[in-house]
Amino acid sequence: MACITTGNLKIVGSAAVKKHEKTTNDNRESITIVRIGSASGASGPWIFLVKRQTELEKQSPFRNLEKKSPNIPPGSVVIPTPNAYMTNYMWIKIAPIIGKGTRNMPIIKDHPEC
């Protein structure tokens, strides 16, 4: 759930559900969420693919997520896509974000030789 005016973002979902949708008064929005984690319980970056035709504006509350909320892991991003689906093109685009975010996770960043 997202509030554009305040920039609050709350994600509630089930792993059993293939596609999460938030129904509002006038439309239905799709979102794909990619989360990275480790067995130690540390979280890597969260990547949100949202259905949107244009890039996020500079004043958008969805830019620089980790600076706006202490609970969001560093490197988390919201990426606008034509349909909010994980496609081969989107995977190629987010793979570097995942790699960099994984290397910056606690415990993993303490062992750069691995």
PDB file of N, CA and C in Angstrom:
ATOM      1  N   MET A   1       0.859  -1.167   0.000  1.00  0.00           N
ATOM      2  CA  MET A   1       0.000   0.000   0.000  1.00  0.00           C
ATOM      3  C   MET A   1       0.904   1.227   0.000  1.00  0.00           C
ATOM      4  N   ALA A   2       0.596   2.166  -0.819  1.00  0.00           N
ATOM      5  CA  ALA A   2       1.439   3.344  -0.925  1.00  0.00           C
ATOM      6  C   ALA A   2       0.595   4.602  -0.832  1.00  0.00           C
ATOM      7  N   CYS A   3       1.128   5.587  -0.143  1.00  0.00           N
ATOM      8  CA  CYS A   3       0.480   6.886  -0.052  1.00  0.00           C
ATOM      9  C   CYS A   3       1.397   7.893  -0.724  1.00  0.00           C
ATOM     10  N   ILE A   4       0.974   8.434  -1.854  1.00  0.00           N
ATOM     11  CA  ILE A   4       1.822   9.337  -2.611  1.00  0.00           C
ATOM     12  C   ILE A   4       2.028  10.656  -1.878  1.00  0.00           C
ATOM     13  N   THR A   5       1.043  11.114  -1.133  1.00  0.00           N
ATOM     14  CA  THR A   5       1.175  12.415  -0.472  1.00  0.00           C
ATOM     15  C   THR A   5       2.165  12.381   0.683  1.00  0.00           C
ATOM     16  N   THR A   6       2.192  11.306   1.462  1.00  0.00           N
ATOM     17  CA  THR A   6       3.097  11.242   2.608  1.00  0.00           C
ATOM     18  C   THR A   6       4.346  10.422   2.329  1.00  0.00           C
ATOM     19  N   GLY A   7       4.313   9.607   1.300  1.00  0.00           N
ATOM     20  CA  GLY A   7       5.467   8.775   0.973  1.00  0.00           C
ATOM     21  C   GLY A   7       5.533   7.502   1.788  1.00  0.00           C
ATOM     22  N   ASN A   8       4.484   7.187   2.556  1.00  0.00           N
ATOM     23  CA  ASN A   8       4.477   5.958   3.342  1.00  0.00           C
ATOM     24  C   ASN A   8       4.255   4.768   2.424  1.00  0.00           C
ATOM     25  N   LEU A   9       5.002   3.713   2.660  1.00  0.00           N
ATOM     26  CA  LEU A   9       4.905   2.520   1.846  1.00  0.00           C
ATOM     27  C   LEU A   9       4.788   1.321   2.771  1.00  0.00           C
ATOM     28  N   LYS A  10       3.731   0.546   2.628  1.00  0.00           N
ATOM     29  CA  LYS A  10       3.531  -0.651   3.444  1.00  0.00           C
ATOM     30  C   LYS A  10       3.199  -1.799   2.510  1.00  0.00           C
ATOM     31  N   ILE A  11       3.974  -2.862   2.609  1.00  0.00           N
ATOM     32  CA  ILE A  11       3.779  -4.021   1.756  1.00  0.00           C
ATOM     33  C   ILE A  11       3.276  -5.180   2.617  1.00  0.00           C
ATOM     34  N   VAL A  12       2.150  -5.707   2.246  1.00  0.00           N
ATOM     35  CA  VAL A  12       1.579  -6.860   2.929  1.00  0.00           C
ATOM     36  C   VAL A  12       1.232  -7.863   1.842  1.00  0.00           C
ATOM     37  N   GLY A  13       1.804  -9.054   1.906  1.00  0.00           N
ATOM     38  CA  GLY A  13       1.533 -10.023   0.859  1.00  0.00           C
ATOM     39  C   GLY A  13       1.812 -11.434   1.321  1.00  0.00           C
ATOM     40  N   SER A  14       1.372 -12.381   0.530  1.00  0.00           N
ATOM     41  CA  SER A  14       1.548 -13.788   0.829  1.00  0.00           C
ATOM     42  C   SER A  14       2.421 -14.423  -0.247  1.00  0.00           C
ATOM     43  N   ALA A  15       3.299 -15.315   0.153  1.00  0.00           N
ATOM     44  CA  ALA A  15       4.144 -16.017  -0.806  1.00  0.00           C
ATOM     45  C   ALA A  15       3.314 -16.959  -1.679  1.00  0.00           C
ATOM     46  N   ALA A  16       2.139 -17.346  -1.204  1.00  0.00           N
ATOM     47  CA  ALA A  16       1.287 -18.256  -1.958  1.00  0.00           C
ATOM     48  C   ALA A  16       0.546 -17.554  -3.097  1.00  0.00           C
ATOM     49  N   VAL A  17       0.478 -16.234  -3.038  1.00  0.00           N
ATOM     50  CA  VAL A  17      -0.236 -15.480  -4.069  1.00  0.00           C
ATOM     51  C   VAL A  17       0.733 -15.150  -5.192  1.00  0.00           C
ATOM     52  N   LYS A  18       0.356 -15.485  -6.423  1.00  0.00           N
ATOM     53  CA  LYS A  18       1.241 -15.278  -7.558  1.00  0.00           C
ATOM     54  C   LYS A  18       1.369 -13.800  -7.931  1.00  0.00           C
ATOM     55  N   LYS A  19       0.280 -13.051  -7.820  1.00  0.00           N
ATOM     56  CA  LYS A  19       0.280 -11.644  -8.222  1.00  0.00           C
ATOM     57  C   LYS A  19      -0.470 -10.839  -7.165  1.00  0.00           C
ATOM     58  N   HIS A  20       0.179  -9.795  -6.634  1.00  0.00           N
ATOM     59  CA  HIS A  20      -0.448  -8.953  -5.629  1.00  0.00           C
ATOM     60  C   HIS A  20      -1.037  -7.718  -6.290  1.00  0.00           C
ATOM     61  N   GLU A  21      -2.257  -7.387  -5.930  1.00  0.00           N
ATOM     62  CA  GLU A  21      -2.916  -6.201  -6.462  1.00  0.00           C
ATOM     63  C   GLU A  21      -3.528  -5.404  -5.329  1.00  0.00           C
ATOM     64  N   LYS A  22      -3.491  -4.114  -5.458  1.00  0.00           N
ATOM     65  CA  LYS A  22      -4.136  -3.211  -4.506  1.00  0.00           C
ATOM     66  C   LYS A  22      -5.293  -2.559  -5.238  1.00  0.00           C
ATOM     67  N   THR A  23      -6.504  -2.803  -4.802  1.00  0.00           N
ATOM     68  CA  THR A  23      -7.665  -2.223  -5.440  1.00  0.00           C
ATOM     69  C   THR A  23      -7.965  -0.871  -4.796  1.00  0.00           C
ATOM     70  N   THR A  24      -8.116   0.153  -5.618  1.00  0.00           N
ATOM     71  CA  THR A  24      -8.486   1.475  -5.138  1.00  0.00           C
ATOM     72  C   THR A  24      -9.833   1.841  -5.728  1.00  0.00           C
ATOM     73  N   ASN A  25     -10.317   3.011  -5.404  1.00  0.00           N
ATOM     74  CA  ASN A  25     -11.640   3.424  -5.874  1.00  0.00           C
ATOM     75  C   ASN A  25     -11.745   3.475  -7.390  1.00  0.00           C
ATOM     76  N   ASP A  26     -10.678   3.889  -8.071  1.00  0.00           N
ATOM     77  CA  ASP A  26     -10.808   4.112  -9.505  1.00  0.00           C
ATOM     78  C   ASP A  26      -9.912   3.233 -10.387  1.00  0.00           C
ATOM     79  N   ASN A  27      -9.075   2.388  -9.810  1.00  0.00           N
ATOM     80  CA  ASN A  27      -8.223   1.559 -10.654  1.00  0.00           C
ATOM     81  C   ASN A  27      -7.665   0.372  -9.878  1.00  0.00           C
ATOM     82  N   ARG A  28      -6.971  -0.492 -10.603  1.00  0.00           N
ATOM     83  CA  ARG A  28      -6.264  -1.617  -9.999  1.00  0.00           C
ATOM     84  C   ARG A  28      -4.825  -1.544 -10.442  1.00  0.00           C
ATOM     85  N   GLU A  29      -3.912  -1.579  -9.509  1.00  0.00           N
ATOM     86  CA  GLU A  29      -2.493  -1.466  -9.806  1.00  0.00           C
ATOM     87  C   GLU A  29      -1.800  -2.790  -9.519  1.00  0.00           C
ATOM     88  N   SER A  30      -0.865  -3.159 -10.371  1.00  0.00           N
ATOM     89  CA  SER A  30      -0.068  -4.368 -10.178  1.00  0.00           C
ATOM     90  C   SER A  30       1.321  -3.983  -9.688  1.00  0.00           C
ATOM     91  N   ILE A  31       1.929  -4.905  -8.959  1.00  0.00           N
ATOM     92  CA  ILE A  31       3.282  -4.688  -8.455  1.00  0.00           C
ATOM     93  C   ILE A  31       3.978  -6.044  -8.344  1.00  0.00           C
ATOM     94  N   THR A  32       5.259  -6.066  -8.650  1.00  0.00           N
ATOM     95  CA  THR A  32       6.093  -7.240  -8.424  1.00  0.00           C
ATOM     96  C   THR A  32       7.155  -6.833  -7.412  1.00  0.00           C
ATOM     97  N   ILE A  33       7.366  -7.678  -6.422  1.00  0.00           N
ATOM     98  CA  ILE A  33       8.316  -7.374  -5.361  1.00  0.00           C
ATOM     99  C   ILE A  33       9.418  -8.429  -5.360  1.00  0.00           C
ATOM    100  N   VAL A  34      10.666  -7.977  -5.367  1.00  0.00           N
ATOM    101  CA  VAL A  34      11.822  -8.870  -5.263  1.00  0.00           C
ATOM    102  C   VAL A  34      12.535  -8.495  -3.979  1.00  0.00           C
ATOM    103  N   ARG A  35      12.655  -9.459  -3.069  1.00  0.00           N
ATOM    104  CA  ARG A  35      13.351  -9.220  -1.807  1.00  0.00           C
ATOM    105  C   ARG A  35      14.525 -10.169  -1.694  1.00  0.00           C
ATOM    106  N   ILE A  36      15.614  -9.659  -1.139  1.00  0.00           N
ATOM    107  CA  ILE A  36      16.824 -10.442  -0.953  1.00  0.00           C
ATOM    108  C   ILE A  36      17.042 -10.612   0.544  1.00  0.00           C
ATOM    109  N   GLY A  37      17.384 -11.818   0.967  1.00  0.00           N
ATOM    110  CA  GLY A  37      17.637 -12.066   2.382  1.00  0.00           C
ATOM    111  C   GLY A  37      18.680 -13.151   2.562  1.00  0.00           C
ATOM    112  N   SER A  38      19.128 -13.298   3.797  1.00  0.00           N
ATOM    113  CA  SER A  38      20.112 -14.336   4.098  1.00  0.00           C
ATOM    114  C   SER A  38      19.602 -15.203   5.243  1.00  0.00           C
ATOM    115  N   ALA A  39      20.256 -16.323   5.453  1.00  0.00           N
ATOM    116  CA  ALA A  39      19.872 -17.238   6.528  1.00  0.00           C
ATOM    117  C   ALA A  39      20.052 -16.592   7.905  1.00  0.00           C
ATOM    118  N   SER A  40      20.908 -15.581   7.992  1.00  0.00           N
ATOM    119  CA  SER A  40      21.118 -14.908   9.277  1.00  0.00           C
ATOM    120  C   SER A  40      19.993 -13.933   9.618  1.00  0.00           C
ATOM    121  N   GLY A  41      19.095 -13.726   8.665  1.00  0.00           N
ATOM    122  CA  GLY A  41      17.975 -12.814   8.907  1.00  0.00           C
ATOM    123  C   GLY A  41      18.190 -11.415   8.366  1.00  0.00           C
ATOM    124  N   ALA A  42      19.328 -11.166   7.752  1.00  0.00           N
ATOM    125  CA  ALA A  42      19.610  -9.843   7.186  1.00  0.00           C
ATOM    126  C   ALA A  42      18.832  -9.664   5.887  1.00  0.00           C
ATOM    127  N   SER A  43      18.415  -8.439   5.637  1.00  0.00           N
ATOM    128  CA  SER A  43      17.696  -8.121   4.406  1.00  0.00           C
ATOM    129  C   SER A  43      18.581  -7.363   3.450  1.00  0.00           C
ATOM    130  N   GLY A  44      18.491  -7.741   2.184  1.00  0.00           N
ATOM    131  CA  GLY A  44      19.156  -7.006   1.117  1.00  0.00           C
ATOM    132  C   GLY A  44      18.158  -6.024   0.525  1.00  0.00           C
ATOM    133  N   PRO A  45      18.462  -5.445  -0.623  1.00  0.00           N
ATOM    134  CA  PRO A  45      17.567  -4.445  -1.195  1.00  0.00           C
ATOM    135  C   PRO A  45      16.225  -5.035  -1.601  1.00  0.00           C
ATOM    136  N   TRP A  46      15.204  -4.224  -1.472  1.00  0.00           N
ATOM    137  CA  TRP A  46      13.863  -4.570  -1.948  1.00  0.00           C
ATOM    138  C   TRP A  46      13.688  -3.877  -3.277  1.00  0.00           C
ATOM    139  N   ILE A  47      13.187  -4.591  -4.261  1.00  0.00           N
ATOM    140  CA  ILE A  47      12.983  -4.028  -5.590  1.00  0.00           C
ATOM    141  C   ILE A  47      11.497  -4.144  -5.909  1.00  0.00           C
ATOM    142  N   PHE A  48      10.890  -3.011  -6.197  1.00  0.00           N
ATOM    143  CA  PHE A  48       9.464  -2.941  -6.511  1.00  0.00           C
ATOM    144  C   PHE A  48       9.315  -2.591  -7.983  1.00  0.00           C
ATOM    145  N   LEU A  49       8.655  -3.444  -8.747  1.00  0.00           N
ATOM    146  CA  LEU A  49       8.346  -3.157 -10.146  1.00  0.00           C
ATOM    147  C   LEU A  49       6.888  -2.714 -10.191  1.00  0.00           C
ATOM    148  N   VAL A  50       6.651  -1.468 -10.580  1.00  0.00           N
ATOM    149  CA  VAL A  50       5.295  -0.919 -10.605  1.00  0.00           C
ATOM    150  C   VAL A  50       4.891  -0.617 -12.035  1.00  0.00           C
ATOM    151  N   LYS A  51       3.598  -0.715 -12.284  1.00  0.00           N
ATOM    152  CA  LYS A  51       3.074  -0.412 -13.608  1.00  0.00           C
ATOM    153  C   LYS A  51       2.971   1.100 -13.745  1.00  0.00           C
ATOM    154  N   ARG A  52       3.826   1.629 -14.611  1.00  0.00           N
ATOM    155  CA  ARG A  52       3.853   3.077 -14.821  1.00  0.00           C
ATOM    156  C   ARG A  52       4.553   3.351 -16.142  1.00  0.00           C
ATOM    157  N   GLN A  53       4.060   4.304 -16.894  1.00  0.00           N
ATOM    158  CA  GLN A  53       4.597   4.578 -18.223  1.00  0.00           C
ATOM    159  C   GLN A  53       5.823   5.483 -18.210  1.00  0.00           C
ATOM    160  N   THR A  54       5.965   6.318 -17.181  1.00  0.00           N
ATOM    161  CA  THR A  54       7.056   7.287 -17.165  1.00  0.00           C
ATOM    162  C   THR A  54       8.001   7.015 -15.998  1.00  0.00           C
ATOM    163  N   GLU A  55       9.180   7.594 -16.071  1.00  0.00           N
ATOM    164  CA  GLU A  55      10.135   7.500 -14.966  1.00  0.00           C
ATOM    165  C   GLU A  55       9.595   8.246 -13.758  1.00  0.00           C
ATOM    166  N   LEU A  56      10.092   7.918 -12.583  1.00  0.00           N
ATOM    167  CA  LEU A  56       9.664   8.597 -11.369  1.00  0.00           C
ATOM    168  C   LEU A  56      10.199  10.024 -11.360  1.00  0.00           C
ATOM    169  N   GLU A  57       9.352  10.953 -10.949  1.00  0.00           N
ATOM    170  CA  GLU A  57       9.762  12.342 -10.879  1.00  0.00           C
ATOM    171  C   GLU A  57      10.768  12.525  -9.754  1.00  0.00           C
ATOM    172  N   LYS A  58      11.573  13.586  -9.827  1.00  0.00           N
ATOM    173  CA  LYS A  58      12.584  13.838  -8.806  1.00  0.00           C
ATOM    174  C   LYS A  58      11.969  14.040  -7.430  1.00  0.00           C
ATOM    175  N   GLN A  59      10.763  14.609  -7.345  1.00  0.00           N
ATOM    176  CA  GLN A  59      10.127  14.860  -6.063  1.00  0.00           C
ATOM    177  C   GLN A  59       9.255  13.684  -5.605  1.00  0.00           C
ATOM    178  N   SER A  60       9.254  12.597  -6.355  1.00  0.00           N
ATOM    179  CA  SER A  60       8.429  11.441  -6.010  1.00  0.00           C
ATOM    180  C   SER A  60       8.849  10.854  -4.663  1.00  0.00           C
ATOM    181  N   PRO A  61       7.876  10.497  -3.822  1.00  0.00           N
ATOM    182  CA  PRO A  61       8.219   9.882  -2.532  1.00  0.00           C
ATOM    183  C   PRO A  61       8.834   8.495  -2.674  1.00  0.00           C
ATOM    184  N   PHE A  62       8.801   7.921  -3.875  1.00  0.00           N
ATOM    185  CA  PHE A  62       9.355   6.595  -4.081  1.00  0.00           C
ATOM    186  C   PHE A  62      10.824   6.616  -4.482  1.00  0.00           C
ATOM    187  N   ARG A  63      11.402   7.790  -4.631  1.00  0.00           N
ATOM    188  CA  ARG A  63      12.831   7.896  -4.927  1.00  0.00           C
ATOM    189  C   ARG A  63      13.605   7.884  -3.611  1.00  0.00           C
ATOM    190  N   ASN A  64      14.772   7.280  -3.609  1.00  0.00           N
ATOM    191  CA  ASN A  64      15.641   7.220  -2.423  1.00  0.00           C
ATOM    192  C   ASN A  64      14.888   6.670  -1.212  1.00  0.00           C
ATOM    193  N   LEU A  65      14.301   5.513  -1.371  1.00  0.00           N
ATOM    194  CA  LEU A  65      13.484   4.912  -0.316  1.00  0.00           C
ATOM    195  C   LEU A  65      14.215   4.770   1.012  1.00  0.00           C
ATOM    196  N   GLU A  66      15.470   4.301   0.956  1.00  0.00           N
ATOM    197  CA  GLU A  66      16.182   4.022   2.207  1.00  0.00           C
ATOM    198  C   GLU A  66      16.452   5.283   3.012  1.00  0.00           C
ATOM    199  N   LYS A  67      16.477   6.446   2.368  1.00  0.00           N
ATOM    200  CA  LYS A  67      16.687   7.694   3.098  1.00  0.00           C
ATOM    201  C   LYS A  67      15.413   8.171   3.781  1.00  0.00           C
ATOM    202  N   LYS A  68      14.274   7.709   3.292  1.00  0.00           N
ATOM    203  CA  LYS A  68      12.995   8.172   3.827  1.00  0.00           C
ATOM    204  C   LYS A  68      12.464   7.285   4.942  1.00  0.00           C
ATOM    205  N   SER A  69      12.954   6.071   5.031  1.00  0.00           N
ATOM    206  CA  SER A  69      12.492   5.156   6.068  1.00  0.00           C
ATOM    207  C   SER A  69      13.664   4.326   6.574  1.00  0.00           C
ATOM    208  N   PRO A  70      13.881   4.304   7.882  1.00  0.00           N
ATOM    209  CA  PRO A  70      14.996   3.514   8.421  1.00  0.00           C
ATOM    210  C   PRO A  70      14.769   2.004   8.314  1.00  0.00           C
ATOM    211  N   ASN A  71      13.539   1.573   8.048  1.00  0.00           N
ATOM    212  CA  ASN A  71      13.223   0.146   7.986  1.00  0.00           C
ATOM    213  C   ASN A  71      13.485  -0.465   6.616  1.00  0.00           C
ATOM    214  N   ILE A  72      13.753   0.358   5.611  1.00  0.00           N
ATOM    215  CA  ILE A  72      13.967  -0.140   4.265  1.00  0.00           C
ATOM    216  C   ILE A  72      15.467  -0.329   4.039  1.00  0.00           C
ATOM    217  N   PRO A  73      15.893  -1.517   3.594  1.00  0.00           N
ATOM    218  CA  PRO A  73      17.323  -1.784   3.401  1.00  0.00           C
ATOM    219  C   PRO A  73      17.954  -0.872   2.342  1.00  0.00           C
ATOM    220  N   PRO A  74      19.233  -0.571   2.482  1.00  0.00           N
ATOM    221  CA  PRO A  74      19.924   0.245   1.480  1.00  0.00           C
ATOM    222  C   PRO A  74      19.877  -0.401   0.102  1.00  0.00           C
ATOM    223  N   GLY A  75      19.764   0.428  -0.915  1.00  0.00           N
ATOM    224  CA  GLY A  75      19.718  -0.059  -2.290  1.00  0.00           C
ATOM    225  C   GLY A  75      18.325  -0.375  -2.790  1.00  0.00           C
ATOM    226  N   SER A  76      17.308  -0.244  -1.945  1.00  0.00           N
ATOM    227  CA  SER A  76      15.933  -0.527  -2.359  1.00  0.00           C
ATOM    228  C   SER A  76      15.475   0.503  -3.383  1.00  0.00           C
ATOM    229  N   VAL A  77      14.747   0.033  -4.398  1.00  0.00           N
ATOM    230  CA  VAL A  77      14.311   0.917  -5.474  1.00  0.00           C
ATOM    231  C   VAL A  77      12.901   0.578  -5.930  1.00  0.00           C
ATOM    232  N   VAL A  78      12.253   1.575  -6.514  1.00  0.00           N
ATOM    233  CA  VAL A  78      10.981   1.396  -7.211  1.00  0.00           C
ATOM    234  C   VAL A  78      11.269   1.653  -8.679  1.00  0.00           C
ATOM    235  N   ILE A  79      10.974   0.673  -9.538  1.00  0.00           N
ATOM    236  CA  ILE A  79      11.262   0.795 -10.963  1.00  0.00           C
ATOM    237  C   ILE A  79       9.957   0.760 -11.747  1.00  0.00           C
ATOM    238  N   PRO A  80       9.679   1.817 -12.526  1.00  0.00           N
ATOM    239  CA  PRO A  80       8.476   1.798 -13.360  1.00  0.00           C
ATOM    240  C   PRO A  80       8.660   0.876 -14.566  1.00  0.00           C
ATOM    241  N   THR A  81       7.631   0.089 -14.870  1.00  0.00           N
ATOM    242  CA  THR A  81       7.657  -0.829 -16.010  1.00  0.00           C
ATOM    243  C   THR A  81       6.329  -0.712 -16.750  1.00  0.00           C
ATOM    244  N   PRO A  82       6.257  -1.194 -17.977  1.00  0.00           N
ATOM    245  CA  PRO A  82       4.993  -1.123 -18.712  1.00  0.00           C
ATOM    246  C   PRO A  82       3.883  -1.984 -18.108  1.00  0.00           C
ATOM    247  N   ASN A  83       4.252  -3.092 -17.436  1.00  0.00           N
ATOM    248  CA  ASN A  83       3.209  -3.994 -16.944  1.00  0.00           C
ATOM    249  C   ASN A  83       3.453  -4.535 -15.535  1.00  0.00           C
ATOM    250  N   ALA A  84       4.511  -4.146 -14.874  1.00  0.00           N
ATOM    251  CA  ALA A  84       4.862  -4.571 -13.513  1.00  0.00           C
ATOM    252  C   ALA A  84       5.241  -6.047 -13.420  1.00  0.00           C
ATOM    253  N   TYR A  85       5.554  -6.682 -14.535  1.00  0.00           N
ATOM    254  CA  TYR A  85       5.943  -8.085 -14.531  1.00  0.00           C
ATOM    255  C   TYR A  85       7.459  -8.227 -14.580  1.00  0.00           C
ATOM    256  N   MET A  86       7.949  -9.340 -14.039  1.00  0.00           N
ATOM    257  CA  MET A  86       9.359  -9.659 -14.125  1.00  0.00           C
ATOM    258  C   MET A  86       9.600 -10.320 -15.485  1.00  0.00           C
ATOM    259  N   THR A  87      10.219  -9.594 -16.373  1.00  0.00           N
ATOM    260  CA  THR A  87      10.542 -10.104 -17.702  1.00  0.00           C
ATOM    261  C   THR A  87      12.057 -10.332 -17.770  1.00  0.00           C
ATOM    262  N   ASN A  88      12.506 -10.939 -18.859  1.00  0.00           N
ATOM    263  CA  ASN A  88      13.955 -11.122 -19.042  1.00  0.00           C
ATOM    264  C   ASN A  88      14.666  -9.772 -19.056  1.00  0.00           C
ATOM    265  N   TYR A  89      14.068  -8.781 -19.714  1.00  0.00           N
ATOM    266  CA  TYR A  89      14.660  -7.452 -19.767  1.00  0.00           C
ATOM    267  C   TYR A  89      14.784  -6.851 -18.377  1.00  0.00           C
ATOM    268  N   MET A  90      13.729  -6.961 -17.558  1.00  0.00           N
ATOM    269  CA  MET A  90      13.765  -6.402 -16.206  1.00  0.00           C
ATOM    270  C   MET A  90      14.765  -7.161 -15.338  1.00  0.00           C
ATOM    271  N   TRP A  91      14.873  -8.472 -15.519  1.00  0.00           N
ATOM    272  CA  TRP A  91      15.846  -9.242 -14.733  1.00  0.00           C
ATOM    273  C   TRP A  91      17.265  -8.760 -15.030  1.00  0.00           C
ATOM    274  N   ILE A  92      17.568  -8.527 -16.301  1.00  0.00           N
ATOM    275  CA  ILE A  92      18.890  -8.011 -16.670  1.00  0.00           C
ATOM    276  C   ILE A  92      19.117  -6.636 -16.050  1.00  0.00           C
ATOM    277  N   LYS A  93      18.070  -5.840 -15.967  1.00  0.00           N
ATOM    278  CA  LYS A  93      18.186  -4.493 -15.400  1.00  0.00           C
ATOM    279  C   LYS A  93      18.400  -4.518 -13.883  1.00  0.00           C
ATOM    280  N   ILE A  94      17.752  -5.451 -13.176  1.00  0.00           N
ATOM    281  CA  ILE A  94      17.856  -5.452 -11.708  1.00  0.00           C
ATOM    282  C   ILE A  94      18.969  -6.352 -11.177  1.00  0.00           C
ATOM    283  N   ALA A  95      19.535  -7.233 -12.007  1.00  0.00           N
ATOM    284  CA  ALA A  95      20.594  -8.125 -11.534  1.00  0.00           C
ATOM    285  C   ALA A  95      21.773  -7.372 -10.916  1.00  0.00           C
ATOM    286  N   PRO A  96      22.248  -6.257 -11.504  1.00  0.00           N
ATOM    287  CA  PRO A  96      23.331  -5.517 -10.847  1.00  0.00           C
ATOM    288  C   PRO A  96      22.920  -4.930  -9.496  1.00  0.00           C
ATOM    289  N   ILE A  97      21.668  -4.530  -9.358  1.00  0.00           N
ATOM    290  CA  ILE A  97      21.167  -3.998  -8.077  1.00  0.00           C
ATOM    291  C   ILE A  97      21.194  -5.097  -7.026  1.00  0.00           C
ATOM    292  N   ILE A  98      20.777  -6.293  -7.418  1.00  0.00           N
ATOM    293  CA  ILE A  98      20.775  -7.429  -6.500  1.00  0.00           C
ATOM    294  C   ILE A  98      22.204  -7.782  -6.090  1.00  0.00           C
ATOM    295  N   GLY A  99      23.115  -7.841  -7.061  1.00  0.00           N
ATOM    296  CA  GLY A  99      24.507  -8.177  -6.760  1.00  0.00           C
ATOM    297  C   GLY A  99      25.157  -7.180  -5.815  1.00  0.00           C
ATOM    298  N   LYS A 100      24.995  -5.901  -6.112  1.00  0.00           N
ATOM    299  CA  LYS A 100      25.574  -4.861  -5.260  1.00  0.00           C
ATOM    300  C   LYS A 100      24.948  -4.888  -3.871  1.00  0.00           C
ATOM    301  N   GLY A 101      23.635  -5.054  -3.813  1.00  0.00           N
ATOM    302  CA  GLY A 101      22.945  -5.091  -2.522  1.00  0.00           C
ATOM    303  C   GLY A 101      23.327  -6.295  -1.686  1.00  0.00           C
ATOM    304  N   THR A 102      23.523  -7.439  -2.338  1.00  0.00           N
ATOM    305  CA  THR A 102      23.928  -8.644  -1.619  1.00  0.00           C
ATOM    306  C   THR A 102      25.319  -8.469  -1.032  1.00  0.00           C
ATOM    307  N   ARG A 103      26.224  -7.879  -1.790  1.00  0.00           N
ATOM    308  CA  ARG A 103      27.588  -7.637  -1.300  1.00  0.00           C
ATOM    309  C   ARG A 103      27.624  -6.646  -0.135  1.00  0.00           C
ATOM    310  N   ASN A 104      26.605  -5.797   0.009  1.00  0.00           N
ATOM    311  CA  ASN A 104      26.563  -4.812   1.092  1.00  0.00           C
ATOM    312  C   ASN A 104      25.786  -5.291   2.313  1.00  0.00           C
ATOM    313  N   MET A 105      25.298  -6.537   2.284  1.00  0.00           N
ATOM    314  CA  MET A 105      24.543  -7.068   3.420  1.00  0.00           C
ATOM    315  C   MET A 105      25.488  -7.396   4.574  1.00  0.00           C
ATOM    316  N   PRO A 106      24.989  -7.269   5.824  1.00  0.00           N
ATOM    317  CA  PRO A 106      25.808  -7.648   6.975  1.00  0.00           C
ATOM    318  C   PRO A 106      26.297  -9.100   6.835  1.00  0.00           C
ATOM    319  N   ILE A 107      27.415  -9.386   7.379  1.00  0.00           N
ATOM    320  CA  ILE A 107      28.104 -10.681   7.349  1.00  0.00           C
ATOM    321  C   ILE A 107      28.733 -10.924   5.975  1.00  0.00           C
ATOM    322  N   ILE A 108      27.994 -10.755   4.889  1.00  0.00           N
ATOM    323  CA  ILE A 108      28.548 -10.968   3.551  1.00  0.00           C
ATOM    324  C   ILE A 108      29.610  -9.913   3.257  1.00  0.00           C
ATOM    325  N   LYS A 109      29.352  -8.657   3.637  1.00  0.00           N
ATOM    326  CA  LYS A 109      30.350  -7.608   3.352  1.00  0.00           C
ATOM    327  C   LYS A 109      31.605  -7.769   4.217  1.00  0.00           C
ATOM    328  N   ASP A 110      31.490  -8.536   5.313  1.00  0.00           N
ATOM    329  CA  ASP A 110      32.652  -8.786   6.166  1.00  0.00           C
ATOM    330  C   ASP A 110      33.584  -9.842   5.590  1.00  0.00           C
ATOM    331  N   HIS A 111      33.156 -10.522   4.534  1.00  0.00           N
ATOM    332  CA  HIS A 111      33.953 -11.589   3.909  1.00  0.00           C
ATOM    333  C   HIS A 111      34.063 -11.341   2.404  1.00  0.00           C
ATOM    334  N   PRO A 112      34.823 -10.335   1.997  1.00  0.00           N
ATOM    335  CA  PRO A 112      34.905 -10.010   0.559  1.00  0.00           C
ATOM    336  C   PRO A 112      35.592 -11.072  -0.281  1.00  0.00           C
ATOM    337  N   GLU A 113      36.314 -11.982   0.348  1.00  0.00           N
ATOM    338  CA  GLU A 113      37.015 -13.011  -0.419  1.00  0.00           C
ATOM    339  C   GLU A 113      36.071 -14.087  -0.942  1.00  0.00           C
ATOM    340  N   CYS A 114      34.862 -14.174  -0.414  1.00  0.00           N
ATOM    341  CA  CYS A 114      33.900 -15.208  -0.842  1.00  0.00           C
ATOM    342  C   CYS A 114      33.095 -14.772  -2.026  1.00  0.00           C
TER     343      CYS A 114
END
